[in-house]
Amino acid sequence: MRSTVRLRILITCGVVLAAGIGGWQLLPSDAERTDPIAVGTTDEVTSLDPAGAYDAGSWAIYSNIYQSLLTFKPGFVTPVPDAAQSCRFIGTKLTTYECTLRDDLTFSNGHKITGEDVRYSFERMLAIKADVGPAPLFPTLKNVEAEGQKVTFHLNARDATFPLKIATGAGAIVDHTAYPAKALRAGNAVDGSGPYVLKEYVAGVSARLEPNPNYRGAVTKTGHTVIVKYFKESEQLADAWKNKQVQVTHRQMPPAFLNALGDETKDGTRITEAASAEIRNLNFNTRSGSVMSKKAVRQAVAAVIDRPAIATGPYHGTVEPLYSLIPQGFVGHSTPFYDTDPEPDAAKAKRLLREAGVSTPVSFTLGHRKDATYDAEAAELKKQLEATGLFKVTVKSVDWQDFQKEYAAGRFDAYPIGWFPDFADSDNFTAPLVGTGNALHSGYSSKTVDNLIASTQQYSDRGRAAADFESIQSEVAKDVPLVPLWQKKDYVLSTEAIAGSQYLTDGTGIWRLWELSWI
């Protein structure tokens, strides 16, 4: 019998189907251990203040220590009440959204949570407008009103996706007496109301989370004490796993390591392979002053990129080539980049540059997060581009925190970034990525794209937005503010001593640490 248990988790219509060997091991025993479970990840926390971060590492911990009005149950795409007792649109215009807050909620500092805290949290986040914060997720939010436990959101346009957005880390509720109105909260103190309380935190090293005895909301089970261990690079995470320093890993193990795991593994490793919409794009700085402000240069780069070579080279077959802004499995998915450039075409790239009067070789800076896998990806991109004789690429490898600051400041001409969906709707791959004022700080702005995004947001029946989503992707393939590179599955590794790892993630930004327990 194989000692490796490989589980493929399919989330369909709210039902979790798990197939694997040793299913009896997935349930905790009666004699439960009390020592902390160690979870390893390379997703760093940018800020403990939810107004200051819009990234997977930060939001993973937010979903445990903070509470939003709504949340997502595993496998469901419609949010359910968490801090809220109820929420609904008022009328049929989809421009007024009202929530009634639960009356039994307290922050970890003992303060009662009121509607004023909710109002303050949203308006504060929009006012601070941190460079790498979540404000770009709310272009339609005009203002928020609070009266007692009732909170009313006023939107400047129809937005059927608004409930989905407030169910994310961007909707985290903070204490209006503890978080400054015009600046991010300094230090490591957190006053939230989520299923966990942050007891200890060392930036970039570890976070100790203990169950919150005063939590009231959608989560009905009490979690186990967890220590999250942060690693700068995937190889460091792999070493920690091999040395049994962690019992669970999620994002990102080295592709070669994942590819090598199979039937021959004899160490009791359990692998959960979840369908995911994680994507990675090569983003361009389209602002004046960058060579990528010229559309012909961006189009020429897109014409010569060999995605299969990236997928089978640096990523060892653990990703699939992506030719669209919206990944497979989402409403409106199409393949406009493949339709435009089915194969790498250096002759086409040369023609585009010549017709635009651009001298070659075109020199530009390619920045990326420092990591062995991303180093290899950047080297492959550089090799492909320079092999044409049309480009001269300078690669810069930067630690995650500095990388975010530098691409936001426009210091790179091109920069690959992975994107993990906040909620299961195609809107999350359009407005934050290519809308005016987008979260990637590309400087890209298109009235046509913005109008199409607004059009997609008006439909409660999301299937009716498919044609507009397809049109957005066609426009993006023409303007090329980014080049889609790949889409991948989500992998969680755990030892045979851990139960619940198959429920840790369902391909969205929520980290359900409370599902983990000792067997």
Protein backbone atom coordinates (compact mmCIF):
# COMPACT_ATOMS: atom_id res chain seq x y z
CA MET A 1 0.00 0.00 0.00
CA ARG A 2 1.25 3.46 -0.87
CA SER A 3 2.07 5.69 2.13
CA THR A 4 1.49 8.83 0.08
CA VAL A 5 -2.13 9.94 -0.02
CA ARG A 6 -2.82 12.12 -3.05
CA LEU A 7 -6.21 13.83 -2.79
CA ARG A 8 -7.91 15.72 -5.57
CA ILE A 9 -10.46 18.09 -4.05
CA LEU A 10 -13.27 19.12 -6.35
CA ILE A 11 -15.49 21.95 -5.19
CA THR A 12 -18.82 21.81 -6.98
CA CYS A 13 -22.15 23.27 -5.90
CA GLY A 14 -21.02 23.42 -2.30
CA VAL A 15 -20.12 19.72 -2.07
CA VAL A 16 -16.57 18.67 -1.23
CA LEU A 17 -15.67 15.41 -2.91
CA ALA A 18 -12.41 13.81 -1.77
CA ALA A 19 -10.89 10.72 -3.35
CA GLY A 20 -7.84 9.04 -1.92
CA ILE A 21 -6.29 6.22 0.07
CA GLY A 22 -6.39 6.01 3.83
CA GLY A 23 -9.53 8.11 4.24
CA TRP A 24 -9.82 6.92 7.83
CA GLN A 25 -6.79 9.09 8.61
CA LEU A 26 -8.64 12.31 7.77
CA LEU A 27 -10.57 12.42 11.05
CA PRO A 28 -9.04 13.44 14.39
CA SER A 29 -8.64 10.90 17.17
CA ASP A 30 -10.22 11.14 20.61
CA ALA A 31 -6.84 11.74 22.34
CA GLU A 32 -6.05 15.06 20.72
CA ARG A 33 -2.59 16.60 21.03
CA THR A 34 -2.35 20.15 22.37
CA ASP A 35 0.99 21.33 20.92
CA PRO A 36 0.78 23.86 18.08
CA ILE A 37 0.53 22.78 14.46
CA ALA A 38 3.26 24.36 12.32
CA VAL A 39 2.22 25.64 8.88
CA GLY A 40 4.88 26.79 6.42
CA THR A 41 4.45 29.26 3.56
CA THR A 42 6.46 31.63 1.38
CA ASP A 43 3.59 34.14 1.30
CA GLU A 44 4.83 36.97 3.47
CA VAL A 45 2.62 39.41 5.36
CA THR A 46 2.97 42.92 3.96
CA SER A 47 1.04 44.58 6.78
CA LEU A 48 -1.01 43.46 9.79
CA ASP A 49 -3.28 46.44 9.10
CA PRO A 50 -5.92 45.42 6.53
CA ALA A 51 -5.87 48.90 5.00
CA GLY A 52 -2.26 48.33 4.00
CA ALA A 53 -2.11 45.10 2.03
CA TYR A 54 -3.66 43.37 -0.96
CA ASP A 55 -1.68 40.14 -1.26
CA ALA A 56 -2.13 36.44 -0.56
CA GLY A 57 0.09 36.27 2.52
CA SER A 58 -1.58 39.17 4.30
CA TRP A 59 -5.11 38.12 3.44
CA ALA A 60 -4.43 34.54 4.52
CA ILE A 61 -3.82 35.72 8.07
CA TYR A 62 -6.59 38.37 7.90
CA SER A 63 -9.16 35.61 7.33
CA ASN A 64 -8.18 34.18 10.71
CA ILE A 65 -7.64 37.21 12.96
CA TYR A 66 -10.14 39.68 11.49
CA GLN A 67 -13.81 39.40 10.64
CA SER A 68 -15.72 40.74 7.64
CA LEU A 69 -19.46 41.29 7.36
CA LEU A 70 -19.67 38.28 5.04
CA THR A 71 -17.49 35.28 4.30
CA PHE A 72 -17.38 32.24 2.03
CA LYS A 73 -18.14 28.69 3.07
CA PRO A 74 -15.78 26.12 1.53
CA GLY A 75 -16.73 25.48 -2.08
CA PHE A 76 -19.52 28.08 -2.25
CA VAL A 77 -19.41 31.19 -4.42
CA THR A 78 -22.19 33.09 -2.64
CA PRO A 79 -21.09 34.78 0.61
CA VAL A 80 -22.84 34.13 3.92
CA PRO A 81 -23.08 36.33 7.05
CA ASP A 82 -20.13 36.37 9.41
CA ALA A 83 -19.98 39.60 11.44
CA ALA A 84 -23.31 40.52 9.89
CA GLN A 85 -26.67 39.16 10.94
CA SER A 86 -27.98 39.86 7.45
CA CYS A 87 -27.09 41.81 4.29
CA ARG A 88 -29.08 42.75 1.17
CA PHE A 89 -29.38 45.17 -1.70
CA ILE A 90 -32.10 47.76 -1.21
CA GLY A 91 -34.30 47.98 -4.29
CA THR A 92 -33.31 46.77 -7.75
CA LYS A 93 -30.76 49.41 -8.75
CA LEU A 94 -27.84 47.57 -7.06
CA THR A 95 -26.48 50.86 -5.74
CA THR A 96 -27.48 50.62 -2.07
CA TYR A 97 -26.35 47.71 0.09
CA GLU A 98 -27.45 47.36 3.71
CA CYS A 99 -26.10 45.12 6.48
CA THR A 100 -27.27 44.60 10.04
CA LEU A 101 -24.37 43.78 12.32
CA ARG A 102 -24.56 41.05 14.96
CA ASP A 103 -25.05 42.47 18.46
CA ASP A 104 -22.78 40.00 20.29
CA LEU A 105 -19.39 40.81 18.79
CA THR A 106 -16.29 42.12 20.54
CA PHE A 107 -12.75 42.88 19.44
CA SER A 108 -9.90 41.02 21.11
CA ASN A 109 -9.32 44.13 23.28
CA GLY A 110 -12.85 43.74 24.71
CA HIS A 111 -14.45 46.65 22.86
CA LYS A 112 -17.94 46.03 21.46
CA ILE A 113 -18.18 46.09 17.65
CA THR A 114 -20.68 48.59 16.27
CA GLY A 115 -21.76 49.84 12.89
CA GLU A 116 -19.42 52.79 13.38
CA ASP A 117 -16.44 50.42 13.35
CA VAL A 118 -17.61 49.05 9.99
CA ARG A 119 -18.12 52.51 8.50
CA TYR A 120 -14.75 53.64 9.83
CA SER A 121 -12.94 50.56 8.48
CA PHE A 122 -14.09 51.11 4.90
CA GLU A 123 -13.76 54.88 4.75
CA ARG A 124 -10.38 54.71 6.47
CA MET A 125 -9.10 52.16 3.94
CA LEU A 126 -10.25 54.35 1.04
CA ALA A 127 -8.78 57.50 2.60
CA ILE A 128 -5.37 55.97 3.33
CA LYS A 129 -5.23 54.48 -0.18
CA ALA A 130 -2.00 52.60 0.53
CA ASP A 131 0.17 51.89 -2.51
CA VAL A 132 -0.27 48.14 -2.07
CA GLY A 133 -3.62 48.29 -0.25
CA PRO A 134 -7.08 47.04 -1.31
CA ALA A 135 -8.67 50.37 -2.30
CA PRO A 136 -8.60 49.46 -6.05
CA LEU A 137 -11.17 46.75 -5.27
CA PHE A 138 -13.83 49.39 -4.52
CA PRO A 139 -14.08 51.83 -7.44
CA THR A 140 -17.89 51.92 -7.07
CA LEU A 141 -18.01 52.65 -3.32
CA LYS A 142 -19.12 56.26 -2.75
CA ASN A 143 -19.64 56.40 1.01
CA VAL A 144 -20.78 54.43 4.05
CA GLU A 145 -23.35 55.34 6.71
CA ALA A 146 -23.81 53.76 10.14
CA GLU A 147 -26.70 53.96 12.57
CA GLY A 148 -26.39 51.66 15.56
CA GLN A 149 -25.83 48.16 14.19
CA LYS A 150 -27.09 49.05 10.71
CA VAL A 151 -24.56 49.88 7.98
CA THR A 152 -25.48 51.25 4.55
CA PHE A 153 -23.12 51.30 1.58
CA HIS A 154 -23.86 53.79 -1.21
CA LEU A 155 -22.40 52.96 -4.61
CA ASN A 156 -21.88 55.30 -7.56
CA ALA A 157 -22.82 52.61 -10.08
CA ARG A 158 -24.57 49.25 -10.23
CA ASP A 159 -22.30 46.59 -8.77
CA ALA A 160 -23.65 43.08 -8.31
CA THR A 161 -20.18 41.97 -7.19
CA PHE A 162 -20.09 44.27 -4.16
CA PRO A 163 -21.16 41.56 -1.64
CA LEU A 164 -18.31 39.37 -2.88
CA LYS A 165 -15.79 42.15 -2.30
CA ILE A 166 -16.80 42.93 1.28
CA ALA A 167 -16.48 39.20 2.09
CA THR A 168 -12.72 39.40 1.49
CA GLY A 169 -9.81 40.69 3.53
CA ALA A 170 -10.57 44.15 2.16
CA GLY A 171 -13.71 44.12 4.30
CA ALA A 172 -11.88 43.36 7.55
CA ILE A 173 -13.41 45.30 10.46
CA VAL A 174 -11.08 47.22 12.80
CA ASP A 175 -11.62 49.08 16.08
CA HIS A 176 -12.10 52.78 15.30
CA THR A 177 -10.46 53.69 18.62
CA ALA A 178 -7.30 51.64 17.99
CA TYR A 179 -6.48 52.22 14.30
CA PRO A 180 -5.48 55.75 13.17
CA ALA A 181 -7.73 57.41 10.58
CA LYS A 182 -5.05 58.66 8.20
CA ALA A 183 -2.17 56.23 8.62
CA LEU A 184 -1.51 52.52 8.98
CA ARG A 185 -1.26 51.19 12.51
CA ALA A 186 2.36 50.80 13.54
CA GLY A 187 3.76 47.80 15.38
CA ASN A 188 2.50 44.23 15.62
CA ALA A 189 -0.60 44.74 17.76
CA VAL A 190 -3.88 43.47 16.28
CA ASP A 191 -7.41 44.03 17.58
CA GLY A 192 -9.66 41.82 15.49
CA SER A 193 -12.64 39.54 16.06
CA GLY A 194 -11.83 36.53 13.88
CA PRO A 195 -11.67 32.83 14.86
CA TYR A 196 -8.10 33.36 16.07
CA VAL A 197 -6.19 35.83 18.20
CA LEU A 198 -2.65 36.80 17.18
CA LYS A 199 -0.57 36.08 20.28
CA GLU A 200 2.95 36.48 18.90
CA TYR A 201 4.32 37.86 15.66
CA VAL A 202 7.82 38.30 14.26
CA ALA A 203 7.70 39.85 10.79
CA GLY A 204 8.96 37.48 8.10
CA VAL A 205 9.56 34.72 10.66
CA SER A 206 6.45 33.46 12.46
CA ALA A 207 2.96 34.12 13.80
CA ARG A 208 1.35 32.29 16.71
CA LEU A 209 -2.43 32.10 16.51
CA GLU A 210 -4.64 30.80 19.30
CA PRO A 211 -8.41 30.17 19.12
CA ASN A 212 -10.51 33.21 19.99
CA PRO A 213 -12.95 32.16 22.76
CA ASN A 214 -15.12 35.23 22.08
CA TYR A 215 -15.53 34.68 18.34
CA ARG A 216 -19.11 34.66 17.05
CA GLY A 217 -19.82 34.12 13.38
CA ALA A 218 -19.96 31.69 10.47
CA VAL A 219 -17.21 29.37 11.71
CA THR A 220 -18.78 26.82 14.03
CA LYS A 221 -15.75 24.79 15.11
CA THR A 222 -12.94 25.73 17.48
CA GLY A 223 -9.54 25.64 15.85
CA HIS A 224 -6.23 24.35 17.15
CA THR A 225 -3.28 26.57 18.09
CA VAL A 226 -1.21 27.20 14.97
CA ILE A 227 2.25 28.61 14.37
CA VAL A 228 2.69 29.97 10.86
CA LYS A 229 6.31 29.93 9.73
CA TYR A 230 7.33 32.28 6.93
CA PHE A 231 10.12 31.52 4.47
CA LYS A 232 11.77 33.90 2.01
CA GLU A 233 12.18 31.31 -0.72
CA SER A 234 10.53 28.07 -1.78
CA GLU A 235 13.73 26.06 -1.33
CA GLN A 236 13.84 27.12 2.32
CA LEU A 237 10.27 25.92 2.76
CA ALA A 238 11.16 22.60 1.16
CA ASP A 239 14.12 22.20 3.53
CA ALA A 240 11.85 22.91 6.53
CA TRP A 241 9.44 20.25 5.27
CA LYS A 242 12.21 17.69 4.80
CA ASN A 243 13.55 18.45 8.28
CA LYS A 244 10.06 18.06 9.81
CA GLN A 245 9.95 21.66 11.05
CA VAL A 246 6.42 22.07 9.67
CA GLN A 247 3.46 19.68 9.47
CA VAL A 248 1.63 21.56 6.69
CA THR A 249 2.83 23.61 3.70
CA HIS A 250 0.85 25.83 1.37
CA ARG A 251 2.32 28.16 -1.25
CA GLN A 252 4.89 27.75 -2.60
CA MET A 253 6.90 24.55 -2.68
CA PRO A 254 9.51 24.30 -5.49
CA PRO A 255 7.96 22.98 -8.72
CA ALA A 256 10.66 20.33 -9.06
CA PHE A 257 9.85 19.10 -5.56
CA LEU A 258 6.11 18.86 -6.31
CA ASN A 259 6.77 17.18 -9.64
CA ALA A 260 8.94 14.55 -7.96
CA LEU A 261 6.30 13.57 -5.41
CA GLY A 262 4.57 10.41 -6.49
CA ASP A 263 3.91 6.77 -5.79
CA GLU A 264 7.50 6.18 -4.71
CA THR A 265 7.23 8.59 -1.76
CA LYS A 266 7.44 6.65 1.50
CA ASP A 267 7.43 9.36 4.14
CA GLY A 268 3.70 9.58 4.81
CA THR A 269 3.22 12.77 2.83
CA ARG A 270 -0.38 13.65 2.09
CA ILE A 271 -0.97 15.92 -0.92
CA THR A 272 -4.13 17.87 -1.57
CA GLU A 273 -4.36 19.01 -5.18
CA ALA A 274 -7.11 21.59 -5.50
CA ALA A 275 -8.45 23.11 -8.69
CA SER A 276 -7.27 26.72 -8.53
CA ALA A 277 -7.45 29.89 -10.54
CA GLU A 278 -4.02 31.15 -9.53
CA ILE A 279 -2.45 32.84 -12.52
CA ARG A 280 0.74 34.70 -13.31
CA ASN A 281 1.08 37.62 -15.71
CA LEU A 282 4.00 39.57 -17.08
CA ASN A 283 2.89 43.14 -16.33
CA PHE A 284 4.13 46.22 -18.14
CA ASN A 285 4.78 49.71 -16.83
CA THR A 286 2.78 51.70 -19.37
CA ARG A 287 3.50 55.06 -17.74
CA SER A 288 5.36 57.79 -19.60
CA GLY A 289 9.11 57.34 -19.24
CA SER A 290 9.08 53.58 -19.62
CA VAL A 291 9.88 51.97 -22.95
CA MET A 292 6.76 49.85 -22.34
CA SER A 293 4.59 52.95 -22.73
CA LYS A 294 4.83 52.13 -26.46
CA LYS A 295 2.17 49.60 -27.41
CA ALA A 296 4.28 48.18 -30.25
CA VAL A 297 7.01 47.18 -27.78
CA ARG A 298 4.50 45.40 -25.57
CA GLN A 299 2.98 43.66 -28.58
CA ALA A 300 6.42 42.58 -29.76
CA VAL A 301 7.22 41.03 -26.39
CA ALA A 302 3.89 39.18 -26.43
CA ALA A 303 4.64 37.86 -29.91
CA VAL A 304 7.80 36.01 -28.90
CA ILE A 305 7.01 34.58 -25.46
CA ASP A 306 7.03 30.78 -25.43
CA ARG A 307 4.66 29.75 -22.63
CA PRO A 308 5.07 25.96 -22.97
CA ALA A 309 8.82 26.41 -22.49
CA ILE A 310 8.17 28.31 -19.26
CA ALA A 311 5.67 25.70 -18.06
CA THR A 312 7.96 22.72 -18.71
CA GLY A 313 11.22 24.47 -17.82
CA PRO A 314 11.21 26.56 -14.62
CA TYR A 315 7.89 25.08 -13.47
CA HIS A 316 8.53 21.41 -14.35
CA GLY A 317 5.03 20.88 -15.72
CA THR A 318 3.22 22.03 -12.55
CA VAL A 319 1.56 24.93 -14.41
CA GLU A 320 -0.41 25.22 -17.65
CA PRO A 321 0.13 27.90 -20.33
CA LEU A 322 -2.44 30.70 -20.12
CA TYR A 323 -3.54 32.79 -23.09
CA SER A 324 -6.18 34.97 -21.50
CA LEU A 325 -6.76 37.50 -18.75
CA ILE A 326 -9.53 35.35 -17.24
CA PRO A 327 -8.44 31.76 -16.45
CA GLN A 328 -10.17 28.54 -17.41
CA GLY A 329 -13.27 27.72 -15.41
CA PHE A 330 -14.50 31.32 -15.12
CA VAL A 331 -17.32 33.06 -16.97
CA GLY A 332 -16.15 34.65 -20.21
CA HIS A 333 -12.84 32.80 -20.49
CA SER A 334 -11.43 32.97 -24.02
CA THR A 335 -7.99 32.69 -25.63
CA PRO A 336 -7.32 36.02 -27.43
CA PHE A 337 -3.54 35.91 -26.88
CA TYR A 338 -3.40 32.49 -28.52
CA ASP A 339 -5.62 33.70 -31.36
CA THR A 340 -3.22 36.61 -31.92
CA ASP A 341 0.05 34.73 -31.38
CA PRO A 342 -0.46 30.93 -31.53
CA GLU A 343 3.32 30.41 -31.75
CA PRO A 344 6.35 32.57 -30.90
CA ASP A 345 6.97 34.77 -33.94
CA ALA A 346 10.19 36.81 -33.98
CA ALA A 347 9.53 38.02 -37.52
CA LYS A 348 6.21 39.53 -36.44
CA ALA A 349 7.86 41.19 -33.45
CA LYS A 350 10.54 42.68 -35.69
CA ARG A 351 7.89 44.01 -38.06
CA LEU A 352 5.87 45.58 -35.22
CA LEU A 353 8.93 47.41 -33.92
CA ARG A 354 10.07 48.53 -37.37
CA GLU A 355 6.63 49.89 -38.31
CA ALA A 356 6.49 51.80 -35.02
CA GLY A 357 9.93 53.29 -35.61
CA VAL A 358 11.42 51.64 -32.54
CA SER A 359 15.18 51.04 -32.63
CA THR A 360 16.49 47.64 -31.66
CA PRO A 361 17.61 46.09 -29.48
CA VAL A 362 15.03 47.48 -27.05
CA SER A 363 16.57 47.68 -23.58
CA PHE A 364 14.34 47.26 -20.55
CA THR A 365 14.37 46.21 -16.91
CA LEU A 366 12.61 43.03 -15.77
CA GLY A 367 12.00 42.99 -12.00
CA HIS A 368 10.78 40.00 -10.02
CA ARG A 369 10.48 38.64 -6.50
CA LYS A 370 13.63 36.93 -5.30
CA ASP A 371 13.17 33.14 -5.32
CA ALA A 372 14.91 30.27 -7.09
CA THR A 373 11.82 29.47 -9.17
CA TYR A 374 11.22 33.08 -10.15
CA ASP A 375 14.94 33.47 -10.89
CA ALA A 376 14.63 30.59 -13.35
CA GLU A 377 11.45 32.07 -14.86
CA ALA A 378 13.13 35.44 -15.38
CA ALA A 379 16.17 33.75 -16.92
CA GLU A 380 13.91 31.87 -19.35
CA LEU A 381 12.08 35.08 -20.33
CA LYS A 382 15.40 36.88 -20.84
CA LYS A 383 16.70 34.01 -22.97
CA GLN A 384 13.59 33.93 -25.16
CA LEU A 385 13.53 37.68 -25.71
CA GLU A 386 17.25 38.17 -26.32
CA ALA A 387 17.40 35.17 -28.70
CA THR A 388 15.42 37.28 -31.19
CA GLY A 389 18.09 39.99 -31.25
CA LEU A 390 15.32 42.52 -30.64
CA PHE A 391 15.64 42.99 -26.88
CA LYS A 392 18.25 43.56 -24.20
CA VAL A 393 16.89 42.58 -20.78
CA THR A 394 18.32 43.60 -17.42
CA VAL A 395 16.97 41.34 -14.66
CA LYS A 396 16.56 42.58 -11.08
CA SER A 397 15.75 40.15 -8.27
CA VAL A 398 14.24 41.85 -5.19
CA ASP A 399 12.84 40.70 -1.83
CA TRP A 400 9.01 40.68 -1.72
CA GLN A 401 8.51 43.79 0.43
CA ASP A 402 10.87 45.91 -1.68
CA PHE A 403 9.56 44.38 -4.90
CA GLN A 404 6.05 45.64 -4.15
CA LYS A 405 7.31 49.14 -3.40
CA GLU A 406 9.48 49.28 -6.50
CA TYR A 407 6.89 48.14 -9.04
CA ALA A 408 4.34 50.48 -7.44
CA ALA A 409 6.83 53.33 -7.91
CA GLY A 410 7.38 52.41 -11.57
CA ARG A 411 11.01 51.32 -11.20
CA PHE A 412 10.63 48.30 -13.51
CA ASP A 413 9.56 48.24 -17.16
CA ALA A 414 8.16 44.73 -16.79
CA TYR A 415 7.42 42.58 -13.76
CA PRO A 416 5.77 39.15 -13.37
CA ILE A 417 3.20 38.88 -10.55
CA GLY A 418 1.06 35.95 -9.50
CA TRP A 419 -2.62 36.60 -8.87
CA PHE A 420 -4.73 34.55 -6.48
CA PRO A 421 -8.49 35.25 -6.76
CA ASP A 422 -10.21 36.91 -3.82
CA PHE A 423 -13.57 35.49 -4.83
CA ALA A 424 -14.93 33.20 -7.54
CA ASP A 425 -15.98 35.78 -10.11
CA SER A 426 -14.34 36.95 -13.34
CA ASP A 427 -14.58 40.53 -12.08
CA ASN A 428 -11.62 39.78 -9.82
CA PHE A 429 -9.43 39.25 -12.88
CA THR A 430 -10.53 42.41 -14.67
CA ALA A 431 -11.07 45.50 -12.48
CA PRO A 432 -8.07 44.95 -10.14
CA LEU A 433 -5.73 43.99 -13.01
CA VAL A 434 -6.60 46.23 -15.96
CA GLY A 435 -9.05 48.84 -14.66
CA THR A 436 -7.94 52.45 -14.25
CA GLY A 437 -5.99 52.76 -10.99
CA ASN A 438 -5.43 48.99 -10.94
CA ALA A 439 -3.77 47.13 -8.07
CA LEU A 440 -0.73 46.31 -10.22
CA HIS A 441 0.22 49.98 -10.67
CA SER A 442 0.79 49.48 -14.38
CA GLY A 443 -0.51 52.92 -15.27
CA TYR A 444 -2.78 51.34 -17.85
CA SER A 445 -6.08 53.10 -18.46
CA SER A 446 -8.64 52.46 -21.17
CA LYS A 447 -12.11 54.03 -21.30
CA THR A 448 -13.30 51.10 -23.39
CA VAL A 449 -12.10 48.57 -20.84
CA ASP A 450 -13.45 50.62 -17.92
CA ASN A 451 -16.87 50.86 -19.56
CA LEU A 452 -16.91 47.13 -20.23
CA ILE A 453 -15.94 46.40 -16.60
CA ALA A 454 -18.79 48.60 -15.40
CA SER A 455 -21.13 46.77 -17.75
CA THR A 456 -20.15 43.35 -16.34
CA GLN A 457 -20.86 44.55 -12.79
CA GLN A 458 -24.50 45.40 -13.47
CA TYR A 459 -25.67 41.78 -13.84
CA SER A 460 -26.86 39.77 -10.86
CA ASP A 461 -26.99 36.81 -13.24
CA ARG A 462 -23.25 36.60 -13.83
CA GLY A 463 -23.64 34.47 -16.94
CA ARG A 464 -25.10 37.52 -18.71
CA ALA A 465 -21.73 39.27 -18.35
CA ALA A 466 -19.90 36.65 -20.45
CA ALA A 467 -19.91 38.66 -23.69
CA ASP A 468 -18.52 41.76 -21.95
CA PHE A 469 -15.81 39.70 -20.27
CA GLU A 470 -14.83 38.31 -23.66
CA SER A 471 -14.68 41.84 -25.07
CA ILE A 472 -12.45 42.97 -22.20
CA GLN A 473 -10.03 40.17 -22.96
CA SER A 474 -9.98 41.07 -26.64
CA GLU A 475 -9.15 44.69 -25.79
CA VAL A 476 -6.40 43.58 -23.43
CA ALA A 477 -4.90 41.34 -26.12
CA LYS A 478 -4.78 44.37 -28.43
CA ASP A 479 -3.36 46.86 -25.92
CA VAL A 480 -1.18 44.32 -24.07
CA PRO A 481 -0.84 46.00 -20.64
CA LEU A 482 0.14 42.50 -19.54
CA VAL A 483 0.89 39.08 -20.97
CA PRO A 484 -0.76 36.04 -19.32
CA LEU A 485 1.85 33.36 -18.63
CA TRP A 486 0.33 30.44 -16.75
CA GLN A 487 -2.43 29.00 -14.59
CA LYS A 488 -1.78 26.44 -11.87
CA LYS A 489 -3.36 24.12 -9.37
CA ASP A 490 -3.10 24.70 -5.63
CA TYR A 491 -1.12 22.23 -3.52
CA VAL A 492 -1.26 21.60 0.22
CA LEU A 493 1.15 19.14 1.77
CA SER A 494 0.63 17.66 5.23
CA THR A 495 2.02 14.85 7.33
CA GLU A 496 -0.09 11.84 8.16
CA ALA A 497 -0.45 13.22 11.70
CA ILE A 498 -2.66 16.11 10.53
CA ALA A 499 -6.40 16.07 9.81
CA GLY A 500 -8.30 18.70 7.85
CA SER A 501 -5.54 19.86 5.49
CA GLN A 502 -7.83 19.15 2.52
CA TYR A 503 -10.08 21.98 3.73
CA LEU A 504 -7.36 24.57 4.32
CA THR A 505 -7.98 26.29 1.00
CA ASP A 506 -10.44 26.00 -1.87
CA GLY A 507 -8.53 28.12 -4.36
CA THR A 508 -9.53 31.51 -2.95
CA GLY A 509 -7.75 33.81 -0.51
CA ILE A 510 -9.29 32.32 2.65
CA TRP A 511 -6.99 30.24 4.85
CA ARG A 512 -9.09 28.00 7.08
CA LEU A 513 -6.55 27.25 9.79
CA TRP A 514 -9.37 26.24 12.12
CA GLU A 515 -9.87 23.09 10.03
CA LEU A 516 -6.46 21.70 11.03
CA SER A 517 -6.08 19.29 13.94
CA TRP A 518 -3.88 16.46 15.14
CA ILE A 519 -4.92 12.89 14.41
